[in-house]
Amino acid sequence: MIALDNTVRRALEDEWPDGLLESLPQINLPSALQSGAIAALKSKVLDEKIAITLQMAKLWFSHQLSLTAPSGKFALENSVPERPGRPDKPELVHPMKVKKRKLNSKQGQIALLHSLAHIELNAIDLALDVIARFAREPMPRSFYDGWVQVALEEAKHFSLLRHHLQDMGANYGDFPAHDGLWEAAQETHYSLTVRLAVVPLILEARGLDVAPSMTLKLQELGNHRGAEILSIIYRDEQKHVAIAAKWFRFLCAREGKQPAHTFQKLVRKHFRGPLKPPFNDTARAACGLTPLFYRCLTATNRS
């Protein structure tokens, strides 16, 4: 196995719930990254989805997977699903029907962590979908390195939250959830540039704005493990937004377009409603997403 970047090694080996990596099912993957991403996308079994993602990442970073299967082979396996595989629960409802609970109760903390776990599960599939759907785009290998790492770390985040919920006497699936993130993926399926603008650079970048205050609140309430998990997620999500911003700028440069203007144009066309402050300008700028991109898209500035 080749020497791995420290952040990749950490994602592969460290910070996972105790005993989880040893308990995951054994997976035999196809020989192509795209096929592995599709297999993980289609899986309805959560431990299997995580196991496929983890094994796919190990093989990819050790250069044991090709990017795509030869044309004409694995046609069925290489059909990207319209929707990811999901367990029977949670029930998916309209966003307005997802109840908000106060964090000063244990049940409120569980509800918050459940909603975050649902976001992270969607984030696994969103990263896998980028790999699967755009595997035949003319992109450098490092593009796929980035999204494999994103998928791997989102799988780690989901696992941490899921196991913390279990430690608190709950399970993922106990509360209703909504499907907004995946609806955004469906609406941006036709263009990698549009996908990067709307999903990671709008919806996932929002996590940079809200995570620090949520982490502090859990810490104040004595949920130190929850706060620790949110700190891990916040650290990793900064890398994920930076990866998306890097490749959005790359695509704009290749197409001869100005990144900030292109971002604003795509958001106005494909995102419902204005962006909501407050913004974590410092964290966003460190990821390559400066206020020039998004400040004009708030309710008071959007036109």
C-alpha atoms as a PDB file:
ATOM      1  CA  MET A   1       0.000   0.000   0.000  1.00  0.00           C
ATOM      2  CA  ILE A   2       1.362   3.409  -0.912  1.00  0.00           C
ATOM      3  CA  ALA A   3       2.128   6.088   1.700  1.00  0.00           C
ATOM      4  CA  LEU A   4      -1.060   7.981   2.469  1.00  0.00           C
ATOM      5  CA  ASP A   5      -1.635  11.622   3.249  1.00  0.00           C
ATOM      6  CA  ASN A   6      -2.079  12.045   7.007  1.00  0.00           C
ATOM      7  CA  THR A   7      -5.656  13.302   6.672  1.00  0.00           C
ATOM      8  CA  VAL A   8      -6.571  10.301   4.509  1.00  0.00           C
ATOM      9  CA  ARG A   9      -4.933   7.890   6.932  1.00  0.00           C
ATOM     10  CA  ARG A  10      -6.834   9.473   9.811  1.00  0.00           C
ATOM     11  CA  ALA A  11     -10.090   9.127   7.893  1.00  0.00           C
ATOM     12  CA  LEU A  12      -9.357   5.480   7.118  1.00  0.00           C
ATOM     13  CA  GLU A  13      -8.163   4.395  10.539  1.00  0.00           C
ATOM     14  CA  ASP A  14      -8.814   6.893  13.344  1.00  0.00           C
ATOM     15  CA  GLU A  15     -11.719   8.628  15.104  1.00  0.00           C
ATOM     16  CA  TRP A  16     -14.284   5.956  14.181  1.00  0.00           C
ATOM     17  CA  PRO A  17     -16.539   4.528  16.935  1.00  0.00           C
ATOM     18  CA  ASP A  18     -14.760   1.854  18.961  1.00  0.00           C
ATOM     19  CA  GLY A  19     -15.032  -1.567  17.369  1.00  0.00           C
ATOM     20  CA  LEU A  20     -17.011  -0.424  14.319  1.00  0.00           C
ATOM     21  CA  LEU A  21     -14.355  -1.006  11.669  1.00  0.00           C
ATOM     22  CA  GLU A  22     -13.844  -4.582  12.842  1.00  0.00           C
ATOM     23  CA  SER A  23     -17.593  -5.291  12.847  1.00  0.00           C
ATOM     24  CA  LEU A  24     -18.407  -4.054   9.332  1.00  0.00           C
ATOM     25  CA  PRO A  25     -19.337  -6.704   6.725  1.00  0.00           C
ATOM     26  CA  GLN A  26     -16.690  -7.902   4.294  1.00  0.00           C
ATOM     27  CA  ILE A  27     -17.230  -6.482   0.815  1.00  0.00           C
ATOM     28  CA  ASN A  28     -16.021  -7.640  -2.598  1.00  0.00           C
ATOM     29  CA  LEU A  29     -15.923  -4.581  -4.815  1.00  0.00           C
ATOM     30  CA  PRO A  30     -15.865  -4.337  -8.612  1.00  0.00           C
ATOM     31  CA  SER A  31     -12.569  -3.198 -10.098  1.00  0.00           C
ATOM     32  CA  ALA A  32     -13.705   0.368 -10.830  1.00  0.00           C
ATOM     33  CA  LEU A  33     -14.271   3.376  -8.553  1.00  0.00           C
ATOM     34  CA  GLN A  34     -17.484   4.298 -10.345  1.00  0.00           C
ATOM     35  CA  SER A  35     -18.908   0.815  -9.802  1.00  0.00           C
ATOM     36  CA  GLY A  36     -18.005   0.918  -6.117  1.00  0.00           C
ATOM     37  CA  ALA A  37     -19.636   4.319  -5.665  1.00  0.00           C
ATOM     38  CA  ILE A  38     -22.810   3.047  -7.351  1.00  0.00           C
ATOM     39  CA  ALA A  39     -22.846  -0.072  -5.174  1.00  0.00           C
ATOM     40  CA  ALA A  40     -22.610   2.075  -2.039  1.00  0.00           C
ATOM     41  CA  LEU A  41     -25.276   4.448  -3.351  1.00  0.00           C
ATOM     42  CA  LYS A  42     -27.701   1.592  -3.979  1.00  0.00           C
ATOM     43  CA  SER A  43     -27.224  -0.153  -0.658  1.00  0.00           C
ATOM     44  CA  LYS A  44     -30.184   0.107   1.734  1.00  0.00           C
ATOM     45  CA  VAL A  45     -28.214  -1.399   4.625  1.00  0.00           C
ATOM     46  CA  LEU A  46     -26.369   1.296   6.540  1.00  0.00           C
ATOM     47  CA  ASP A  47     -23.416  -0.842   7.683  1.00  0.00           C
ATOM     48  CA  GLU A  48     -23.026  -2.165   4.143  1.00  0.00           C
ATOM     49  CA  LYS A  49     -23.090   1.352   2.666  1.00  0.00           C
ATOM     50  CA  ILE A  50     -20.368   2.401   5.087  1.00  0.00           C
ATOM     51  CA  ALA A  51     -18.333  -0.778   4.492  1.00  0.00           C
ATOM     52  CA  ILE A  52     -18.434  -0.333   0.703  1.00  0.00           C
ATOM     53  CA  THR A  53     -17.412   3.311   1.009  1.00  0.00           C
ATOM     54  CA  LEU A  54     -14.528   2.446   3.324  1.00  0.00           C
ATOM     55  CA  GLN A  55     -13.275  -0.435   1.175  1.00  0.00           C
ATOM     56  CA  MET A  56     -13.628   1.657  -1.978  1.00  0.00           C
ATOM     57  CA  ALA A  57     -11.497   4.387  -0.409  1.00  0.00           C
ATOM     58  CA  LYS A  58      -8.810   1.925   0.722  1.00  0.00           C
ATOM     59  CA  LEU A  59      -8.537   0.412  -2.761  1.00  0.00           C
ATOM     60  CA  TRP A  60      -8.630   3.758  -4.548  1.00  0.00           C
ATOM     61  CA  PHE A  61      -5.903   5.340  -2.444  1.00  0.00           C
ATOM     62  CA  SER A  62      -3.744   2.252  -2.851  1.00  0.00           C
ATOM     63  CA  HIS A  63      -4.215   2.462  -6.649  1.00  0.00           C
ATOM     64  CA  GLN A  64      -6.065  -0.853  -6.888  1.00  0.00           C
ATOM     65  CA  LEU A  65      -9.141   0.550  -8.653  1.00  0.00           C
ATOM     66  CA  SER A  66      -9.541   1.991 -12.116  1.00  0.00           C
ATOM     67  CA  LEU A  67     -11.801   5.027 -12.402  1.00  0.00           C
ATOM     68  CA  THR A  68     -14.396   3.435 -14.688  1.00  0.00           C
ATOM     69  CA  ALA A  69     -15.127  -0.008 -16.048  1.00  0.00           C
ATOM     70  CA  PRO A  70     -14.434  -0.614 -19.762  1.00  0.00           C
ATOM     71  CA  SER A  71     -17.237   0.672 -21.980  1.00  0.00           C
ATOM     72  CA  GLY A  72     -19.972  -1.884 -22.438  1.00  0.00           C
ATOM     73  CA  LYS A  73     -19.175  -3.821 -19.256  1.00  0.00           C
ATOM     74  CA  PHE A  74     -21.099  -3.751 -15.989  1.00  0.00           C
ATOM     75  CA  ALA A  75     -23.910  -1.799 -17.661  1.00  0.00           C
ATOM     76  CA  LEU A  76     -26.395  -2.629 -14.933  1.00  0.00           C
ATOM     77  CA  GLU A  77     -23.983  -1.922 -12.072  1.00  0.00           C
ATOM     78  CA  ASN A  78     -22.918   1.357 -13.653  1.00  0.00           C
ATOM     79  CA  SER A  79     -26.408   2.833 -13.894  1.00  0.00           C
ATOM     80  CA  VAL A  80     -26.487   5.698 -11.393  1.00  0.00           C
ATOM     81  CA  PRO A  81     -29.683   5.456  -9.299  1.00  0.00           C
ATOM     82  CA  GLU A  82     -32.113   8.372  -9.164  1.00  0.00           C
ATOM     83  CA  ARG A  83     -32.343   7.889  -5.411  1.00  0.00           C
ATOM     84  CA  PRO A  84     -29.902   6.299  -2.958  1.00  0.00           C
ATOM     85  CA  GLY A  85     -30.712   3.147  -1.059  1.00  0.00           C
ATOM     86  CA  ARG A  86     -32.263   3.867   2.318  1.00  0.00           C
ATOM     87  CA  PRO A  87     -33.561   1.854   5.278  1.00  0.00           C
ATOM     88  CA  ASP A  88     -37.297   1.966   6.001  1.00  0.00           C
ATOM     89  CA  LYS A  89     -36.784   4.644   8.654  1.00  0.00           C
ATOM     90  CA  PRO A  90     -36.685   7.572   9.101  1.00  0.00           C
ATOM     91  CA  GLU A  91     -39.983   8.620   7.570  1.00  0.00           C
ATOM     92  CA  LEU A  92     -39.420  11.443   5.078  1.00  0.00           C
ATOM     93  CA  VAL A  93     -41.775  14.391   5.506  1.00  0.00           C
ATOM     94  CA  HIS A  94     -42.066  18.001   4.364  1.00  0.00           C
ATOM     95  CA  PRO A  95     -39.403  20.199   6.044  1.00  0.00           C
ATOM     96  CA  MET A  96     -42.128  22.186   7.821  1.00  0.00           C
ATOM     97  CA  LYS A  97     -43.239  18.987   9.591  1.00  0.00           C
ATOM     98  CA  VAL A  98     -39.830  18.312  11.141  1.00  0.00           C
ATOM     99  CA  LYS A  99     -40.289  19.502  14.716  1.00  0.00           C
ATOM    100  CA  LYS A 100     -37.711  21.752  16.323  1.00  0.00           C
ATOM    101  CA  ARG A 101     -36.893  20.951  19.939  1.00  0.00           C
ATOM    102  CA  LYS A 102     -35.024  22.938  22.561  1.00  0.00           C
ATOM    103  CA  LEU A 103     -31.508  21.746  23.279  1.00  0.00           C
ATOM    104  CA  ASN A 104     -31.815  22.114  27.041  1.00  0.00           C
ATOM    105  CA  SER A 105     -33.524  18.698  27.236  1.00  0.00           C
ATOM    106  CA  LYS A 106     -31.993  15.305  26.481  1.00  0.00           C
ATOM    107  CA  GLN A 107     -34.736  14.666  23.925  1.00  0.00           C
ATOM    108  CA  GLY A 108     -33.928  17.953  22.222  1.00  0.00           C
ATOM    109  CA  GLN A 109     -30.255  17.035  21.984  1.00  0.00           C
ATOM    110  CA  ILE A 110     -31.164  13.634  20.565  1.00  0.00           C
ATOM    111  CA  ALA A 111     -33.404  15.291  17.967  1.00  0.00           C
ATOM    112  CA  LEU A 112     -30.585  17.661  16.948  1.00  0.00           C
ATOM    113  CA  LEU A 113     -28.054  14.836  16.665  1.00  0.00           C
ATOM    114  CA  HIS A 114     -30.573  12.786  14.680  1.00  0.00           C
ATOM    115  CA  SER A 115     -31.066  15.628  12.195  1.00  0.00           C
ATOM    116  CA  LEU A 116     -27.289  15.968  11.852  1.00  0.00           C
ATOM    117  CA  ALA A 117     -26.927  12.219  11.322  1.00  0.00           C
ATOM    118  CA  HIS A 118     -29.512  12.444   8.532  1.00  0.00           C
ATOM    119  CA  ILE A 119     -27.539  15.271   6.926  1.00  0.00           C
ATOM    120  CA  GLU A 120     -24.331  13.240   7.136  1.00  0.00           C
ATOM    121  CA  LEU A 121     -25.979  10.162   5.609  1.00  0.00           C
ATOM    122  CA  ASN A 122     -27.128  12.336   2.720  1.00  0.00           C
ATOM    123  CA  ALA A 123     -23.628  13.769   2.494  1.00  0.00           C
ATOM    124  CA  ILE A 124     -22.164  10.273   2.004  1.00  0.00           C
ATOM    125  CA  ASP A 125     -24.502   9.694  -0.925  1.00  0.00           C
ATOM    126  CA  LEU A 126     -23.958  13.171  -2.360  1.00  0.00           C
ATOM    127  CA  ALA A 127     -20.195  12.571  -2.521  1.00  0.00           C
ATOM    128  CA  LEU A 128     -20.725   9.088  -3.969  1.00  0.00           C
ATOM    129  CA  ASP A 129     -23.104  10.539  -6.547  1.00  0.00           C
ATOM    130  CA  VAL A 130     -20.485  13.062  -7.694  1.00  0.00           C
ATOM    131  CA  ILE A 131     -18.027  10.200  -8.224  1.00  0.00           C
ATOM    132  CA  ALA A 132     -20.552   7.936  -9.946  1.00  0.00           C
ATOM    133  CA  ARG A 133     -22.381  10.504 -12.042  1.00  0.00           C
ATOM    134  CA  PHE A 134     -19.373  12.456 -13.247  1.00  0.00           C
ATOM    135  CA  ALA A 135     -16.789   9.672 -13.495  1.00  0.00           C
ATOM    136  CA  ARG A 136     -16.444  10.153 -17.247  1.00  0.00           C
ATOM    137  CA  GLU A 137     -15.896  13.911 -17.002  1.00  0.00           C
ATOM    138  CA  PRO A 138     -12.438  15.004 -18.200  1.00  0.00           C
ATOM    139  CA  MET A 139     -11.139  15.742 -14.689  1.00  0.00           C
ATOM    140  CA  PRO A 140      -7.740  15.093 -13.061  1.00  0.00           C
ATOM    141  CA  ARG A 141      -7.332  12.096 -10.753  1.00  0.00           C
ATOM    142  CA  SER A 142      -6.963  14.495  -7.826  1.00  0.00           C
ATOM    143  CA  PHE A 143     -10.599  15.526  -8.331  1.00  0.00           C
ATOM    144  CA  TYR A 144     -11.692  11.965  -7.532  1.00  0.00           C
ATOM    145  CA  ASP A 145      -9.138  11.757  -4.688  1.00  0.00           C
ATOM    146  CA  GLY A 146     -10.941  14.675  -3.086  1.00  0.00           C
ATOM    147  CA  TRP A 147     -14.437  13.252  -3.430  1.00  0.00           C
ATOM    148  CA  VAL A 148     -13.414   9.790  -2.229  1.00  0.00           C
ATOM    149  CA  GLN A 149     -12.000  11.461   0.869  1.00  0.00           C
ATOM    150  CA  VAL A 150     -15.227  13.444   1.297  1.00  0.00           C
ATOM    151  CA  ALA A 151     -17.355  10.282   1.048  1.00  0.00           C
ATOM    152  CA  LEU A 152     -15.091   8.476   3.518  1.00  0.00           C
ATOM    153  CA  GLU A 153     -15.179  11.279   6.079  1.00  0.00           C
ATOM    154  CA  GLU A 154     -18.947  11.704   5.758  1.00  0.00           C
ATOM    155  CA  ALA A 155     -19.261   7.961   6.470  1.00  0.00           C
ATOM    156  CA  LYS A 156     -17.143   8.486   9.582  1.00  0.00           C
ATOM    157  CA  HIS A 157     -19.301  11.457  10.663  1.00  0.00           C
ATOM    158  CA  PHE A 158     -22.522   9.504  10.241  1.00  0.00           C
ATOM    159  CA  SER A 159     -21.102   6.570  12.172  1.00  0.00           C
ATOM    160  CA  LEU A 160     -19.976   8.792  15.046  1.00  0.00           C
ATOM    161  CA  LEU A 161     -23.392  10.440  15.316  1.00  0.00           C
ATOM    162  CA  ARG A 162     -25.280   7.172  14.953  1.00  0.00           C
ATOM    163  CA  HIS A 163     -23.291   5.515  17.723  1.00  0.00           C
ATOM    164  CA  HIS A 164     -23.599   8.548  19.992  1.00  0.00           C
ATOM    165  CA  LEU A 165     -27.366   8.424  19.502  1.00  0.00           C
ATOM    166  CA  GLN A 166     -27.280   4.780  20.574  1.00  0.00           C
ATOM    167  CA  ASP A 167     -25.259   5.705  23.665  1.00  0.00           C
ATOM    168  CA  MET A 168     -28.022   8.215  24.490  1.00  0.00           C
ATOM    169  CA  GLY A 169     -30.727   5.557  24.173  1.00  0.00           C
ATOM    170  CA  ALA A 170     -31.912   6.381  20.632  1.00  0.00           C
ATOM    171  CA  ASN A 171     -31.359   5.181  17.068  1.00  0.00           C
ATOM    172  CA  TYR A 172     -31.074   6.757  13.663  1.00  0.00           C
ATOM    173  CA  GLY A 173     -34.564   6.501  12.203  1.00  0.00           C
ATOM    174  CA  ASP A 174     -36.433   7.358  15.410  1.00  0.00           C
ATOM    175  CA  PHE A 175     -37.456  10.818  14.157  1.00  0.00           C
ATOM    176  CA  PRO A 176     -38.947  12.010  10.856  1.00  0.00           C
ATOM    177  CA  ALA A 177     -36.567  13.771   8.458  1.00  0.00           C
ATOM    178  CA  HIS A 178     -36.816  15.653   5.171  1.00  0.00           C
ATOM    179  CA  ASP A 179     -35.335  15.072   1.742  1.00  0.00           C
ATOM    180  CA  GLY A 180     -34.133  18.565   0.839  1.00  0.00           C
ATOM    181  CA  LEU A 181     -30.485  17.676   0.263  1.00  0.00           C
ATOM    182  CA  TRP A 182     -31.247  14.856  -2.122  1.00  0.00           C
ATOM    183  CA  GLU A 183     -33.827  16.953  -3.969  1.00  0.00           C
ATOM    184  CA  ALA A 184     -31.036  19.445  -4.628  1.00  0.00           C
ATOM    185  CA  ALA A 185     -28.897  16.623  -6.005  1.00  0.00           C
ATOM    186  CA  GLN A 186     -31.678  15.553  -8.366  1.00  0.00           C
ATOM    187  CA  GLU A 187     -32.134  19.098  -9.619  1.00  0.00           C
ATOM    188  CA  THR A 188     -28.412  19.474 -10.390  1.00  0.00           C
ATOM    189  CA  HIS A 189     -27.770  16.048 -11.902  1.00  0.00           C
ATOM    190  CA  TYR A 190     -26.981  17.348 -15.379  1.00  0.00           C
ATOM    191  CA  SER A 191     -23.977  19.573 -14.655  1.00  0.00           C
ATOM    192  CA  LEU A 192     -20.948  19.211 -12.406  1.00  0.00           C
ATOM    193  CA  THR A 193     -20.542  22.995 -12.223  1.00  0.00           C
ATOM    194  CA  VAL A 194     -24.146  23.450 -11.097  1.00  0.00           C
ATOM    195  CA  ARG A 195     -23.863  20.576  -8.609  1.00  0.00           C
ATOM    196  CA  LEU A 196     -20.792  22.092  -6.952  1.00  0.00           C
ATOM    197  CA  ALA A 197     -22.382  25.536  -6.744  1.00  0.00           C
ATOM    198  CA  VAL A 198     -25.682  24.488  -5.219  1.00  0.00           C
ATOM    199  CA  VAL A 199     -24.930  21.463  -3.031  1.00  0.00           C
ATOM    200  CA  PRO A 200     -21.518  21.814  -1.336  1.00  0.00           C
ATOM    201  CA  LEU A 201     -21.056  25.573  -1.763  1.00  0.00           C
ATOM    202  CA  ILE A 202     -24.560  26.502  -0.563  1.00  0.00           C
ATOM    203  CA  LEU A 203     -26.105  23.691   1.449  1.00  0.00           C
ATOM    204  CA  GLU A 204     -22.994  22.138   2.971  1.00  0.00           C
ATOM    205  CA  ALA A 205     -21.231  25.473   3.495  1.00  0.00           C
ATOM    206  CA  ARG A 206     -24.133  26.357   5.794  1.00  0.00           C
ATOM    207  CA  GLY A 207     -22.668  23.895   8.275  1.00  0.00           C
ATOM    208  CA  LEU A 208     -19.653  26.179   8.685  1.00  0.00           C
ATOM    209  CA  ASP A 209     -21.998  28.938   9.861  1.00  0.00           C
ATOM    210  CA  VAL A 210     -23.934  26.962  12.472  1.00  0.00           C
ATOM    211  CA  ALA A 211     -21.509  24.308  13.769  1.00  0.00           C
ATOM    212  CA  PRO A 212     -19.458  26.487  16.175  1.00  0.00           C
ATOM    213  CA  SER A 213     -22.516  27.721  18.100  1.00  0.00           C
ATOM    214  CA  MET A 214     -24.064  24.231  18.253  1.00  0.00           C
ATOM    215  CA  THR A 215     -20.787  22.788  19.521  1.00  0.00           C
ATOM    216  CA  LEU A 216     -20.537  25.432  22.240  1.00  0.00           C
ATOM    217  CA  LYS A 217     -24.148  24.851  23.300  1.00  0.00           C
ATOM    218  CA  LEU A 218     -23.662  21.076  23.639  1.00  0.00           C
ATOM    219  CA  GLN A 219     -20.489  21.692  25.622  1.00  0.00           C
ATOM    220  CA  GLU A 220     -22.342  24.044  27.971  1.00  0.00           C
ATOM    221  CA  LEU A 221     -25.088  21.433  28.441  1.00  0.00           C
ATOM    222  CA  GLY A 222     -22.566  18.764  29.395  1.00  0.00           C
ATOM    223  CA  ASN A 223     -22.848  16.709  26.201  1.00  0.00           C
ATOM    224  CA  HIS A 224     -19.101  16.631  25.777  1.00  0.00           C
ATOM    225  CA  ARG A 225     -19.024  13.667  23.401  1.00  0.00           C
ATOM    226  CA  GLY A 226     -21.581  15.350  21.149  1.00  0.00           C
ATOM    227  CA  ALA A 227     -19.505  18.538  21.151  1.00  0.00           C
ATOM    228  CA  GLU A 228     -16.366  16.535  20.335  1.00  0.00           C
ATOM    229  CA  ILE A 229     -18.086  14.898  17.359  1.00  0.00           C
ATOM    230  CA  LEU A 230     -19.324  18.249  16.069  1.00  0.00           C
ATOM    231  CA  SER A 231     -15.770  19.612  16.328  1.00  0.00           C
ATOM    232  CA  ILE A 232     -14.507  16.719  14.171  1.00  0.00           C
ATOM    233  CA  ILE A 233     -17.268  17.348  11.642  1.00  0.00           C
ATOM    234  CA  TYR A 234     -16.571  21.096  11.553  1.00  0.00           C
ATOM    235  CA  ARG A 235     -12.850  20.496  10.949  1.00  0.00           C
ATOM    236  CA  ASP A 236     -13.519  18.039   8.120  1.00  0.00           C
ATOM    237  CA  GLU A 237     -16.322  20.062   6.521  1.00  0.00           C
ATOM    238  CA  GLN A 238     -13.941  22.965   6.023  1.00  0.00           C
ATOM    239  CA  LYS A 239     -11.837  20.639   3.857  1.00  0.00           C
ATOM    240  CA  HIS A 240     -14.925  19.501   1.974  1.00  0.00           C
ATOM    241  CA  VAL A 241     -16.046  23.034   1.132  1.00  0.00           C
ATOM    242  CA  ALA A 242     -12.476  23.837   0.095  1.00  0.00           C
ATOM    243  CA  ILE A 243     -12.452  20.844  -2.248  1.00  0.00           C
ATOM    244  CA  ALA A 244     -15.707  21.974  -3.843  1.00  0.00           C
ATOM    245  CA  ALA A 245     -14.524  25.582  -4.149  1.00  0.00           C
ATOM    246  CA  LYS A 246     -11.242  24.480  -5.738  1.00  0.00           C
ATOM    247  CA  TRP A 247     -12.949  22.439  -8.429  1.00  0.00           C
ATOM    248  CA  PHE A 248     -15.683  24.996  -9.025  1.00  0.00           C
ATOM    249  CA  ARG A 249     -12.958  27.549  -9.762  1.00  0.00           C
ATOM    250  CA  PHE A 250     -11.170  24.984 -11.949  1.00  0.00           C
ATOM    251  CA  LEU A 251     -14.295  24.411 -14.051  1.00  0.00           C
ATOM    252  CA  CYS A 252     -14.952  28.131 -14.358  1.00  0.00           C
ATOM    253  CA  ALA A 253     -11.373  28.744 -15.500  1.00  0.00           C
ATOM    254  CA  ARG A 254     -11.633  25.942 -18.053  1.00  0.00           C
ATOM    255  CA  GLU A 255     -14.853  27.456 -19.392  1.00  0.00           C
ATOM    256  CA  GLY A 256     -13.458  30.997 -19.352  1.00  0.00           C
ATOM    257  CA  LYS A 257     -15.960  32.193 -16.736  1.00  0.00           C
ATOM    258  CA  GLN A 258     -15.565  34.427 -13.692  1.00  0.00           C
ATOM    259  CA  PRO A 259     -16.166  32.254 -10.607  1.00  0.00           C
ATOM    260  CA  ALA A 260     -18.084  34.622  -8.311  1.00  0.00           C
ATOM    261  CA  HIS A 261     -20.352  35.887 -11.080  1.00  0.00           C
ATOM    262  CA  THR A 262     -20.991  32.344 -12.325  1.00  0.00           C
ATOM    263  CA  PHE A 263     -21.777  31.182  -8.797  1.00  0.00           C
ATOM    264  CA  GLN A 264     -24.311  33.971  -8.286  1.00  0.00           C
ATOM    265  CA  LYS A 265     -25.954  33.296 -11.637  1.00  0.00           C
ATOM    266  CA  LEU A 266     -26.311  29.577 -10.924  1.00  0.00           C
ATOM    267  CA  VAL A 267     -27.614  30.118  -7.398  1.00  0.00           C
ATOM    268  CA  ARG A 268     -30.251  32.581  -8.575  1.00  0.00           C
ATOM    269  CA  LYS A 269     -31.396  30.067 -11.163  1.00  0.00           C
ATOM    270  CA  HIS A 270     -31.254  26.822  -9.179  1.00  0.00           C
ATOM    271  CA  PHE A 271     -31.585  27.646  -5.469  1.00  0.00           C
ATOM    272  CA  ARG A 272     -34.943  28.480  -3.933  1.00  0.00           C
ATOM    273  CA  GLY A 273     -34.901  31.634  -1.850  1.00  0.00           C
ATOM    274  CA  PRO A 274     -32.141  33.870  -0.488  1.00  0.00           C
ATOM    275  CA  LEU A 275     -29.121  32.799   1.519  1.00  0.00           C
ATOM    276  CA  LYS A 276     -29.563  33.335   5.241  1.00  0.00           C
ATOM    277  CA  PRO A 277     -26.986  35.040   7.457  1.00  0.00           C
ATOM    278  CA  PRO A 278     -25.158  34.986   9.781  1.00  0.00           C
ATOM    279  CA  PHE A 279     -22.184  33.719   7.793  1.00  0.00           C
ATOM    280  CA  ASN A 280     -18.903  32.413   9.147  1.00  0.00           C
ATOM    281  CA  ASP A 281     -16.935  34.637   6.780  1.00  0.00           C
ATOM    282  CA  THR A 282     -13.572  33.612   8.210  1.00  0.00           C
ATOM    283  CA  ALA A 283     -14.082  29.862   7.765  1.00  0.00           C
ATOM    284  CA  ARG A 284     -15.712  30.319   4.367  1.00  0.00           C
ATOM    285  CA  ALA A 285     -12.873  32.526   3.095  1.00  0.00           C
ATOM    286  CA  ALA A 286     -10.289  30.001   4.303  1.00  0.00           C
ATOM    287  CA  CYS A 287     -12.073  27.472   2.056  1.00  0.00           C
ATOM    288  CA  GLY A 288     -11.909  29.766  -0.979  1.00  0.00           C
ATOM    289  CA  LEU A 289     -15.507  30.957  -0.655  1.00  0.00           C
ATOM    290  CA  THR A 290     -15.107  34.688  -0.046  1.00  0.00           C
ATOM    291  CA  PRO A 291     -17.990  37.097   0.750  1.00  0.00           C
ATOM    292  CA  LEU A 292     -17.812  38.324  -2.853  1.00  0.00           C
ATOM    293  CA  PHE A 293     -19.489  35.038  -3.824  1.00  0.00           C
ATOM    294  CA  TYR A 294     -22.509  35.040  -1.537  1.00  0.00           C
ATOM    295  CA  ARG A 295     -23.163  38.350   0.256  1.00  0.00           C
ATOM    296  CA  CYS A 296     -25.210  39.704  -2.643  1.00  0.00           C
ATOM    297  CA  LEU A 297     -27.509  36.647  -2.472  1.00  0.00           C
ATOM    298  CA  THR A 298     -29.116  37.460   0.888  1.00  0.00           C
ATOM    299  CA  ALA A 299     -32.730  38.662   1.154  1.00  0.00           C
ATOM    300  CA  THR A 300     -31.702  42.306   1.294  1.00  0.00           C
ATOM    301  CA  ASN A 301     -29.342  42.084  -1.691  1.00  0.00           C
ATOM    302  CA  ARG A 302     -30.734  39.392  -3.974  1.00  0.00           C
ATOM    303  CA  SER A 303     -32.260  40.679  -7.212  1.00  0.00           C
END
